Amino acid sequence: MADQQAGLYMIAYDIANPKRLVRIHRYLKKQGLPLQYSVFTLVIKRKALLRLLQGLDKLMNKREDDIRCYRLFSQTSAETLGRQMFPKDVMLFSHGMSQLLY
């Protein structure tokens, strides 16, 4: 992916310490949309993503915490079960990209 082209990413985390958990959650809320408490989606350019991951690296404890970042492609489909954060068929727009969440 080119550095100037925005992509869709999902970041999920499991943080052992409650204080670090709050800091990491607040840090990600500045950049992304929480889908669940520990799962975020972001529409972000590669350079900004690398900066974000470096910031997370500084906030986490590598021995106790787990943070994962996945690139999602425009053809990605998802199935959901249970109570949803958004009403069905909500269209979200960010940085010129749109994603339909089911």
PDB file of N, CA and C in Angstrom:
ATOM      1  N   MET A   1       0.847  -1.183   0.000  1.00  0.00           N
ATOM      2  CA  MET A   1       0.000   0.000   0.000  1.00  0.00           C
ATOM      3  C   MET A   1       0.888   1.240   0.000  1.00  0.00           C
ATOM      4  N   ALA A   2       0.565   2.211  -0.809  1.00  0.00           N
ATOM      5  CA  ALA A   2       1.328   3.457  -0.866  1.00  0.00           C
ATOM      6  C   ALA A   2       1.144   4.244   0.429  1.00  0.00           C
ATOM      7  N   ASP A   3       2.178   4.996   0.789  1.00  0.00           N
ATOM      8  CA  ASP A   3       2.125   5.759   2.037  1.00  0.00           C
ATOM      9  C   ASP A   3       1.021   6.812   2.054  1.00  0.00           C
ATOM     10  N   GLN A   4       0.642   7.335   0.900  1.00  0.00           N
ATOM     11  CA  GLN A   4      -0.355   8.403   0.845  1.00  0.00           C
ATOM     12  C   GLN A   4      -1.787   7.889   0.715  1.00  0.00           C
ATOM     13  N   GLN A   5      -1.950   6.587   0.546  1.00  0.00           N
ATOM     14  CA  GLN A   5      -3.276   6.010   0.369  1.00  0.00           C
ATOM     15  C   GLN A   5      -3.790   5.470   1.706  1.00  0.00           C
ATOM     16  N   ALA A   6      -4.989   5.876   2.096  1.00  0.00           N
ATOM     17  CA  ALA A   6      -5.569   5.419   3.354  1.00  0.00           C
ATOM     18  C   ALA A   6      -6.074   3.996   3.210  1.00  0.00           C
ATOM     19  N   GLY A   7      -5.942   3.245   4.266  1.00  0.00           N
ATOM     20  CA  GLY A   7      -6.434   1.878   4.301  1.00  0.00           C
ATOM     21  C   GLY A   7      -7.290   1.671   5.540  1.00  0.00           C
ATOM     22  N   LEU A   8      -8.042   0.596   5.530  1.00  0.00           N
ATOM     23  CA  LEU A   8      -8.904   0.243   6.658  1.00  0.00           C
ATOM     24  C   LEU A   8      -8.200  -0.819   7.494  1.00  0.00           C
ATOM     25  N   TYR A   9      -8.096  -0.581   8.795  1.00  0.00           N
ATOM     26  CA  TYR A   9      -7.409  -1.485   9.707  1.00  0.00           C
ATOM     27  C   TYR A   9      -8.293  -1.782  10.912  1.00  0.00           C
ATOM     28  N   MET A  10      -8.044  -2.939  11.506  1.00  0.00           N
ATOM     29  CA  MET A  10      -8.678  -3.299  12.763  1.00  0.00           C
ATOM     30  C   MET A  10      -7.570  -3.533  13.780  1.00  0.00           C
ATOM     31  N   ILE A  11      -7.713  -2.927  14.945  1.00  0.00           N
ATOM     32  CA  ILE A  11      -6.766  -3.136  16.033  1.00  0.00           C
ATOM     33  C   ILE A  11      -7.533  -3.737  17.201  1.00  0.00           C
ATOM     34  N   ALA A  12      -7.001  -4.840  17.721  1.00  0.00           N
ATOM     35  CA  ALA A  12      -7.588  -5.504  18.883  1.00  0.00           C
ATOM     36  C   ALA A  12      -6.503  -5.641  19.942  1.00  0.00           C
ATOM     37  N   TYR A  13      -6.902  -5.579  21.192  1.00  0.00           N
ATOM     38  CA  TYR A  13      -5.903  -5.660  22.251  1.00  0.00           C
ATOM     39  C   TYR A  13      -6.429  -6.382  23.480  1.00  0.00           C
ATOM     40  N   ASP A  14      -5.484  -6.922  24.236  1.00  0.00           N
ATOM     41  CA  ASP A  14      -5.730  -7.546  25.528  1.00  0.00           C
ATOM     42  C   ASP A  14      -4.655  -6.993  26.456  1.00  0.00           C
ATOM     43  N   ILE A  15      -5.059  -6.138  27.364  1.00  0.00           N
ATOM     44  CA  ILE A  15      -4.121  -5.424  28.229  1.00  0.00           C
ATOM     45  C   ILE A  15      -4.321  -5.892  29.668  1.00  0.00           C
ATOM     46  N   ALA A  16      -3.240  -6.305  30.331  1.00  0.00           N
ATOM     47  CA  ALA A  16      -3.317  -6.915  31.653  1.00  0.00           C
ATOM     48  C   ALA A  16      -3.590  -5.909  32.777  1.00  0.00           C
ATOM     49  N   ASN A  17      -3.044  -4.726  32.677  1.00  0.00           N
ATOM     50  CA  ASN A  17      -3.141  -3.743  33.752  1.00  0.00           C
ATOM     51  C   ASN A  17      -4.265  -2.746  33.468  1.00  0.00           C
ATOM     52  N   PRO A  18      -5.194  -2.525  34.418  1.00  0.00           N
ATOM     53  CA  PRO A  18      -6.321  -1.609  34.173  1.00  0.00           C
ATOM     54  C   PRO A  18      -5.907  -0.180  33.802  1.00  0.00           C
ATOM     55  N   LYS A  19      -4.837   0.339  34.402  1.00  0.00           N
ATOM     56  CA  LYS A  19      -4.399   1.703  34.075  1.00  0.00           C
ATOM     57  C   LYS A  19      -3.882   1.783  32.639  1.00  0.00           C
ATOM     58  N   ARG A  20      -3.101   0.789  32.224  1.00  0.00           N
ATOM     59  CA  ARG A  20      -2.617   0.755  30.837  1.00  0.00           C
ATOM     60  C   ARG A  20      -3.783   0.555  29.878  1.00  0.00           C
ATOM     61  N   LEU A  21      -4.738  -0.257  30.274  1.00  0.00           N
ATOM     62  CA  LEU A  21      -5.918  -0.507  29.442  1.00  0.00           C
ATOM     63  C   LEU A  21      -6.647   0.797  29.135  1.00  0.00           C
ATOM     64  N   VAL A  22      -6.856   1.624  30.147  1.00  0.00           N
ATOM     65  CA  VAL A  22      -7.540   2.912  29.955  1.00  0.00           C
ATOM     66  C   VAL A  22      -6.712   3.826  29.060  1.00  0.00           C
ATOM     67  N   ARG A  23      -5.399   3.885  29.291  1.00  0.00           N
ATOM     68  CA  ARG A  23      -4.531   4.748  28.471  1.00  0.00           C
ATOM     69  C   ARG A  23      -4.552   4.324  27.004  1.00  0.00           C
ATOM     70  N   ILE A  24      -4.479   3.033  26.755  1.00  0.00           N
ATOM     71  CA  ILE A  24      -4.467   2.538  25.381  1.00  0.00           C
ATOM     72  C   ILE A  24      -5.818   2.763  24.718  1.00  0.00           C
ATOM     73  N   HIS A  25      -6.892   2.541  25.453  1.00  0.00           N
ATOM     74  CA  HIS A  25      -8.231   2.786  24.901  1.00  0.00           C
ATOM     75  C   HIS A  25      -8.400   4.260  24.524  1.00  0.00           C
ATOM     76  N   ARG A  26      -8.002   5.160  25.398  1.00  0.00           N
ATOM     77  CA  ARG A  26      -8.101   6.605  25.101  1.00  0.00           C
ATOM     78  C   ARG A  26      -7.221   6.992  23.916  1.00  0.00           C
ATOM     79  N   TYR A  27      -6.042   6.414  23.846  1.00  0.00           N
ATOM     80  CA  TYR A  27      -5.117   6.698  22.744  1.00  0.00           C
ATOM     81  C   TYR A  27      -5.744   6.292  21.407  1.00  0.00           C
ATOM     82  N   LEU A  28      -6.355   5.114  21.362  1.00  0.00           N
ATOM     83  CA  LEU A  28      -6.964   4.644  20.118  1.00  0.00           C
ATOM     84  C   LEU A  28      -8.237   5.411  19.775  1.00  0.00           C
ATOM     85  N   LYS A  29      -8.981   5.879  20.777  1.00  0.00           N
ATOM     86  CA  LYS A  29     -10.201   6.641  20.500  1.00  0.00           C
ATOM     87  C   LYS A  29      -9.914   7.938  19.758  1.00  0.00           C
ATOM     88  N   LYS A  30      -8.704   8.450  19.878  1.00  0.00           N
ATOM     89  CA  LYS A  30      -8.327   9.670  19.160  1.00  0.00           C
ATOM     90  C   LYS A  30      -8.195   9.419  17.655  1.00  0.00           C
ATOM     91  N   GLN A  31      -7.945   8.170  17.277  1.00  0.00           N
ATOM     92  CA  GLN A  31      -7.695   7.843  15.872  1.00  0.00           C
ATOM     93  C   GLN A  31      -8.766   6.991  15.224  1.00  0.00           C
ATOM     94  N   GLY A  32      -9.442   6.164  16.025  1.00  0.00           N
ATOM     95  CA  GLY A  32     -10.327   5.176  15.430  1.00  0.00           C
ATOM     96  C   GLY A  32     -11.705   5.127  16.047  1.00  0.00           C
ATOM     97  N   LEU A  33     -12.478   4.192  15.553  1.00  0.00           N
ATOM     98  CA  LEU A  33     -13.850   3.989  15.975  1.00  0.00           C
ATOM     99  C   LEU A  33     -13.928   2.685  16.761  1.00  0.00           C
ATOM    100  N   PRO A  34     -14.358   2.738  18.029  1.00  0.00           N
ATOM    101  CA  PRO A  34     -14.459   1.495  18.788  1.00  0.00           C
ATOM    102  C   PRO A  34     -15.653   0.669  18.325  1.00  0.00           C
ATOM    103  N   LEU A  35     -15.396  -0.581  17.980  1.00  0.00           N
ATOM    104  CA  LEU A  35     -16.470  -1.505  17.633  1.00  0.00           C
ATOM    105  C   LEU A  35     -16.911  -2.269  18.871  1.00  0.00           C
ATOM    106  N   GLN A  36     -15.945  -2.609  19.700  1.00  0.00           N
ATOM    107  CA  GLN A  36     -16.153  -3.188  21.018  1.00  0.00           C
ATOM    108  C   GLN A  36     -15.121  -2.521  21.902  1.00  0.00           C
ATOM    109  N   TYR A  37     -15.141  -2.818  23.203  1.00  0.00           N
ATOM    110  CA  TYR A  37     -14.219  -2.097  24.084  1.00  0.00           C
ATOM    111  C   TYR A  37     -12.764  -2.298  23.673  1.00  0.00           C
ATOM    112  N   SER A  38     -12.394  -3.462  23.225  1.00  0.00           N
ATOM    113  CA  SER A  38     -10.995  -3.715  22.886  1.00  0.00           C
ATOM    114  C   SER A  38     -10.767  -3.951  21.390  1.00  0.00           C
ATOM    115  N   VAL A  39     -11.683  -3.481  20.556  1.00  0.00           N
ATOM    116  CA  VAL A  39     -11.551  -3.623  19.102  1.00  0.00           C
ATOM    117  C   VAL A  39     -11.891  -2.287  18.442  1.00  0.00           C
ATOM    118  N   PHE A  40     -10.975  -1.798  17.623  1.00  0.00           N
ATOM    119  CA  PHE A  40     -11.148  -0.528  16.925  1.00  0.00           C
ATOM    120  C   PHE A  40     -10.974  -0.724  15.430  1.00  0.00           C
ATOM    121  N   THR A  41     -11.659   0.099  14.636  1.00  0.00           N
ATOM    122  CA  THR A  41     -11.355   0.204  13.214  1.00  0.00           C
ATOM    123  C   THR A  41     -10.813   1.601  12.963  1.00  0.00           C
ATOM    124  N   LEU A  42      -9.911   1.683  12.004  1.00  0.00           N
ATOM    125  CA  LEU A  42      -9.298   2.959  11.653  1.00  0.00           C
ATOM    126  C   LEU A  42      -9.167   3.046  10.147  1.00  0.00           C
ATOM    127  N   VAL A  43      -9.410   4.215   9.604  1.00  0.00           N
ATOM    128  CA  VAL A  43      -9.072   4.525   8.224  1.00  0.00           C
ATOM    129  C   VAL A  43      -7.889   5.472   8.337  1.00  0.00           C
ATOM    130  N   ILE A  44      -6.727   5.002   7.885  1.00  0.00           N
ATOM    131  CA  ILE A  44      -5.502   5.724   8.196  1.00  0.00           C
ATOM    132  C   ILE A  44      -4.452   5.452   7.114  1.00  0.00           C
ATOM    133  N   LYS A  45      -3.602   6.435   6.873  1.00  0.00           N
ATOM    134  CA  LYS A  45      -2.491   6.272   5.935  1.00  0.00           C
ATOM    135  C   LYS A  45      -1.364   5.502   6.610  1.00  0.00           C
ATOM    136  N   ARG A  46      -0.540   4.852   5.799  1.00  0.00           N
ATOM    137  CA  ARG A  46       0.504   3.964   6.320  1.00  0.00           C
ATOM    138  C   ARG A  46       1.456   4.658   7.294  1.00  0.00           C
ATOM    139  N   LYS A  47       1.933   5.844   6.965  1.00  0.00           N
ATOM    140  CA  LYS A  47       2.865   6.552   7.856  1.00  0.00           C
ATOM    141  C   LYS A  47       2.207   6.857   9.200  1.00  0.00           C
ATOM    142  N   ALA A  48       0.946   7.277   9.159  1.00  0.00           N
ATOM    143  CA  ALA A  48       0.222   7.565  10.399  1.00  0.00           C
ATOM    144  C   ALA A  48      -0.009   6.278  11.197  1.00  0.00           C
ATOM    145  N   LEU A  49      -0.274   5.180  10.500  1.00  0.00           N
ATOM    146  CA  LEU A  49      -0.448   3.898  11.181  1.00  0.00           C
ATOM    147  C   LEU A  49       0.836   3.491  11.893  1.00  0.00           C
ATOM    148  N   LEU A  50       1.970   3.654  11.226  1.00  0.00           N
ATOM    149  CA  LEU A  50       3.250   3.306  11.853  1.00  0.00           C
ATOM    150  C   LEU A  50       3.504   4.157  13.089  1.00  0.00           C
ATOM    151  N   ARG A  51       3.170   5.449  13.033  1.00  0.00           N
ATOM    152  CA  ARG A  51       3.305   6.319  14.211  1.00  0.00           C
ATOM    153  C   ARG A  51       2.377   5.854  15.336  1.00  0.00           C
ATOM    154  N   LEU A  52       1.145   5.489  14.975  1.00  0.00           N
ATOM    155  CA  LEU A  52       0.186   5.003  15.955  1.00  0.00           C
ATOM    156  C   LEU A  52       0.704   3.731  16.632  1.00  0.00           C
ATOM    157  N   LEU A  53       1.225   2.806  15.853  1.00  0.00           N
ATOM    158  CA  LEU A  53       1.751   1.562  16.413  1.00  0.00           C
ATOM    159  C   LEU A  53       2.971   1.811  17.292  1.00  0.00           C
ATOM    160  N   GLN A  54       3.797   2.779  16.925  1.00  0.00           N
ATOM    161  CA  GLN A  54       4.939   3.137  17.774  1.00  0.00           C
ATOM    162  C   GLN A  54       4.462   3.705  19.103  1.00  0.00           C
ATOM    163  N   GLY A  55       3.396   4.520  19.053  1.00  0.00           N
ATOM    164  CA  GLY A  55       2.834   5.065  20.287  1.00  0.00           C
ATOM    165  C   GLY A  55       2.263   3.964  21.171  1.00  0.00           C
ATOM    166  N   LEU A  56       1.573   3.005  20.565  1.00  0.00           N
ATOM    167  CA  LEU A  56       1.043   1.871  21.330  1.00  0.00           C
ATOM    168  C   LEU A  56       2.173   1.047  21.934  1.00  0.00           C
ATOM    169  N   ASP A  57       3.242   0.883  21.174  1.00  0.00           N
ATOM    170  CA  ASP A  57       4.398   0.125  21.652  1.00  0.00           C
ATOM    171  C   ASP A  57       4.971   0.743  22.927  1.00  0.00           C
ATOM    172  N   LYS A  58       4.959   2.067  22.998  1.00  0.00           N
ATOM    173  CA  LYS A  58       5.472   2.765  24.183  1.00  0.00           C
ATOM    174  C   LYS A  58       4.523   2.644  25.378  1.00  0.00           C
ATOM    175  N   LEU A  59       3.228   2.518  25.111  1.00  0.00           N
ATOM    176  CA  LEU A  59       2.236   2.448  26.186  1.00  0.00           C
ATOM    177  C   LEU A  59       2.074   1.050  26.780  1.00  0.00           C
ATOM    178  N   MET A  60       2.390   0.027  26.002  1.00  0.00           N
ATOM    179  CA  MET A  60       2.119  -1.348  26.427  1.00  0.00           C
ATOM    180  C   MET A  60       3.288  -1.964  27.178  1.00  0.00           C
ATOM    181  N   ASN A  61       3.019  -3.055  27.874  1.00  0.00           N
ATOM    182  CA  ASN A  61       4.039  -3.881  28.499  1.00  0.00           C
ATOM    183  C   ASN A  61       4.149  -5.142  27.641  1.00  0.00           C
ATOM    184  N   LYS A  62       5.266  -5.313  26.972  1.00  0.00           N
ATOM    185  CA  LYS A  62       5.417  -6.405  26.001  1.00  0.00           C
ATOM    186  C   LYS A  62       5.355  -7.792  26.638  1.00  0.00           C
ATOM    187  N   ARG A  63       5.610  -7.891  27.919  1.00  0.00           N
ATOM    188  CA  ARG A  63       5.552  -9.184  28.604  1.00  0.00           C
ATOM    189  C   ARG A  63       4.134  -9.565  29.015  1.00  0.00           C
ATOM    190  N   GLU A  64       3.256  -8.568  29.176  1.00  0.00           N
ATOM    191  CA  GLU A  64       1.921  -8.830  29.700  1.00  0.00           C
ATOM    192  C   GLU A  64       0.794  -8.554  28.713  1.00  0.00           C
ATOM    193  N   ASP A  65       1.020  -7.682  27.747  1.00  0.00           N
ATOM    194  CA  ASP A  65      -0.050  -7.207  26.871  1.00  0.00           C
ATOM    195  C   ASP A  65       0.065  -7.780  25.462  1.00  0.00           C
ATOM    196  N   ASP A  66      -1.059  -7.755  24.755  1.00  0.00           N
ATOM    197  CA  ASP A  66      -1.112  -8.236  23.368  1.00  0.00           C
ATOM    198  C   ASP A  66      -1.916  -7.232  22.549  1.00  0.00           C
ATOM    199  N   ILE A  67      -1.299  -6.648  21.533  1.00  0.00           N
ATOM    200  CA  ILE A  67      -1.978  -5.725  20.619  1.00  0.00           C
ATOM    201  C   ILE A  67      -1.756  -6.250  19.205  1.00  0.00           C
ATOM    202  N   ARG A  68      -2.841  -6.342  18.435  1.00  0.00           N
ATOM    203  CA  ARG A  68      -2.760  -6.858  17.067  1.00  0.00           C
ATOM    204  C   ARG A  68      -3.415  -5.884  16.102  1.00  0.00           C
ATOM    205  N   CYS A  69      -2.812  -5.732  14.942  1.00  0.00           N
ATOM    206  CA  CYS A  69      -3.325  -4.843  13.901  1.00  0.00           C
ATOM    207  C   CYS A  69      -3.514  -5.654  12.627  1.00  0.00           C
ATOM    208  N   TYR A  70      -4.723  -5.583  12.063  1.00  0.00           N
ATOM    209  CA  TYR A  70      -5.048  -6.323  10.847  1.00  0.00           C
ATOM    210  C   TYR A  70      -5.507  -5.355   9.771  1.00  0.00           C
ATOM    211  N   ARG A  71      -5.012  -5.546   8.576  1.00  0.00           N
ATOM    212  CA  ARG A  71      -5.492  -4.763   7.435  1.00  0.00           C
ATOM    213  C   ARG A  71      -6.771  -5.402   6.916  1.00  0.00           C
ATOM    214  N   LEU A  72      -7.799  -4.613   6.723  1.00  0.00           N
ATOM    215  CA  LEU A  72      -9.060  -5.088   6.171  1.00  0.00           C
ATOM    216  C   LEU A  72      -9.176  -4.565   4.752  1.00  0.00           C
ATOM    217  N   PHE A  73      -9.627  -5.381   3.864  1.00  0.00           N
ATOM    218  CA  PHE A  73      -9.743  -4.991   2.471  1.00  0.00           C
ATOM    219  C   PHE A  73     -11.181  -4.634   2.147  1.00  0.00           C
ATOM    220  N   SER A  74     -11.385  -3.907   1.089  1.00  0.00           N
ATOM    221  CA  SER A  74     -12.723  -3.408   0.750  1.00  0.00           C
ATOM    222  C   SER A  74     -13.719  -4.538   0.528  1.00  0.00           C
ATOM    223  N   GLN A  75     -13.247  -5.711   0.173  1.00  0.00           N
ATOM    224  CA  GLN A  75     -14.142  -6.847  -0.049  1.00  0.00           C
ATOM    225  C   GLN A  75     -14.340  -7.694   1.206  1.00  0.00           C
ATOM    226  N   THR A  76     -13.839  -7.231   2.351  1.00  0.00           N
ATOM    227  CA  THR A  76     -13.974  -7.981   3.590  1.00  0.00           C
ATOM    228  C   THR A  76     -15.430  -8.036   4.003  1.00  0.00           C
ATOM    229  N   SER A  77     -15.891  -9.229   4.342  1.00  0.00           N
ATOM    230  CA  SER A  77     -17.249  -9.356   4.865  1.00  0.00           C
ATOM    231  C   SER A  77     -17.160  -9.811   6.316  1.00  0.00           C
ATOM    232  N   ALA A  78     -18.168  -9.486   7.088  1.00  0.00           N
ATOM    233  CA  ALA A  78     -18.171  -9.836   8.509  1.00  0.00           C
ATOM    234  C   ALA A  78     -19.562 -10.267   8.921  1.00  0.00           C
ATOM    235  N   GLU A  79     -19.617 -11.234   9.799  1.00  0.00           N
ATOM    236  CA  GLU A  79     -20.870 -11.670  10.391  1.00  0.00           C
ATOM    237  C   GLU A  79     -20.851 -11.238  11.854  1.00  0.00           C
ATOM    238  N   THR A  80     -21.969 -10.770  12.349  1.00  0.00           N
ATOM    239  CA  THR A  80     -22.049 -10.346  13.741  1.00  0.00           C
ATOM    240  C   THR A  80     -23.176 -11.088  14.428  1.00  0.00           C
ATOM    241  N   LEU A  81     -22.996 -11.339  15.701  1.00  0.00           N
ATOM    242  CA  LEU A  81     -23.994 -11.987  16.534  1.00  0.00           C
ATOM    243  C   LEU A  81     -24.181 -11.156  17.799  1.00  0.00           C
ATOM    244  N   GLY A  82     -25.363 -11.172  18.362  1.00  0.00           N
ATOM    245  CA  GLY A  82     -25.589 -10.463  19.612  1.00  0.00           C
ATOM    246  C   GLY A  82     -25.865  -8.992  19.406  1.00  0.00           C
ATOM    247  N   ARG A  83     -25.870  -8.260  20.505  1.00  0.00           N
ATOM    248  CA  ARG A  83     -26.171  -6.833  20.494  1.00  0.00           C
ATOM    249  C   ARG A  83     -25.107  -6.073  19.729  1.00  0.00           C
ATOM    250  N   GLN A  84     -25.516  -5.195  18.870  1.00  0.00           N
ATOM    251  CA  GLN A  84     -24.595  -4.422  18.043  1.00  0.00           C
ATOM    252  C   GLN A  84     -24.517  -2.989  18.544  1.00  0.00           C
ATOM    253  N   MET A  85     -23.349  -2.379  18.350  1.00  0.00           N
ATOM    254  CA  MET A  85     -23.126  -0.996  18.772  1.00  0.00           C
ATOM    255  C   MET A  85     -23.916  -0.021  17.902  1.00  0.00           C
ATOM    256  N   PHE A  86     -24.076  -0.342  16.616  1.00  0.00           N
ATOM    257  CA  PHE A  86     -24.755   0.541  15.677  1.00  0.00           C
ATOM    258  C   PHE A  86     -26.019  -0.137  15.167  1.00  0.00           C
ATOM    259  N   PRO A  87     -27.006   0.631  14.795  1.00  0.00           N
ATOM    260  CA  PRO A  87     -28.191   0.038  14.160  1.00  0.00           C
ATOM    261  C   PRO A  87     -27.797  -0.638  12.853  1.00  0.00           C
ATOM    262  N   LYS A  88     -28.593  -1.596  12.423  1.00  0.00           N
ATOM    263  CA  LYS A  88     -28.308  -2.326  11.197  1.00  0.00           C
ATOM    264  C   LYS A  88     -28.220  -1.356  10.009  1.00  0.00           C
ATOM    265  N   ASP A  89     -27.284  -1.612   9.138  1.00  0.00           N
ATOM    266  CA  ASP A  89     -27.097  -0.856   7.897  1.00  0.00           C
ATOM    267  C   ASP A  89     -26.685   0.604   8.116  1.00  0.00           C
ATOM    268  N   VAL A  90     -25.885   0.877   9.122  1.00  0.00           N
ATOM    269  CA  VAL A  90     -25.356   2.218   9.343  1.00  0.00           C
ATOM    270  C   VAL A  90     -24.158   2.400   8.424  1.00  0.00           C
ATOM    271  N   MET A  91     -24.121   3.489   7.683  1.00  0.00           N
ATOM    272  CA  MET A  91     -23.011   3.784   6.790  1.00  0.00           C
ATOM    273  C   MET A  91     -22.099   4.789   7.491  1.00  0.00           C
ATOM    274  N   LEU A  92     -20.815   4.459   7.582  1.00  0.00           N
ATOM    275  CA  LEU A  92     -19.836   5.333   8.216  1.00  0.00           C
ATOM    276  C   LEU A  92     -18.906   5.892   7.158  1.00  0.00           C
ATOM    277  N   PHE A  93     -18.587   7.170   7.266  1.00  0.00           N
ATOM    278  CA  PHE A  93     -17.689   7.813   6.323  1.00  0.00           C
ATOM    279  C   PHE A  93     -16.492   8.373   7.079  1.00  0.00           C
ATOM    280  N   SER A  94     -15.310   8.174   6.513  1.00  0.00           N
ATOM    281  CA  SER A  94     -14.102   8.693   7.137  1.00  0.00           C
ATOM    282  C   SER A  94     -13.028   8.869   6.081  1.00  0.00           C
ATOM    283  N   HIS A  95     -12.449  10.017   5.989  1.00  0.00           N
ATOM    284  CA  HIS A  95     -11.324  10.298   5.094  1.00  0.00           C
ATOM    285  C   HIS A  95     -11.592   9.842   3.653  1.00  0.00           C
ATOM    286  N   GLY A  96     -12.812  10.017   3.190  1.00  0.00           N
ATOM    287  CA  GLY A  96     -13.104   9.681   1.813  1.00  0.00           C
ATOM    288  C   GLY A  96     -13.414   8.216   1.565  1.00  0.00           C
ATOM    289  N   MET A  97     -13.309   7.397   2.589  1.00  0.00           N
ATOM    290  CA  MET A  97     -13.641   5.972   2.434  1.00  0.00           C
ATOM    291  C   MET A  97     -14.943   5.697   3.167  1.00  0.00           C
ATOM    292  N   SER A  98     -15.718   4.777   2.692  1.00  0.00           N
ATOM    293  CA  SER A  98     -16.931   4.406   3.404  1.00  0.00           C
ATOM    294  C   SER A  98     -16.929   2.907   3.635  1.00  0.00           C
ATOM    295  N   GLN A  99     -17.519   2.517   4.711  1.00  0.00           N
ATOM    296  CA  GLN A  99     -17.647   1.108   5.055  1.00  0.00           C
ATOM    297  C   GLN A  99     -19.045   0.884   5.574  1.00  0.00           C
ATOM    298  N   LEU A 100     -19.656  -0.178   5.158  1.00  0.00           N
ATOM    299  CA  LEU A 100     -20.983  -0.556   5.630  1.00  0.00           C
ATOM    300  C   LEU A 100     -20.790  -1.608   6.710  1.00  0.00           C
ATOM    301  N   LEU A 101     -21.247  -1.299   7.911  1.00  0.00           N
ATOM    302  CA  LEU A 101     -21.156  -2.246   9.013  1.00  0.00           C
ATOM    303  C   LEU A 101     -22.481  -2.951   9.170  1.00  0.00           C
ATOM    304  N   TYR A 102     -22.453  -4.236   9.265  1.00  0.00           N
ATOM    305  CA  TYR A 102     -23.666  -5.025   9.440  1.00  0.00           C
ATOM    306  C   TYR A 102     -23.819  -5.429  10.885  1.00  0.00           C
TER     307      TYR A 102
END
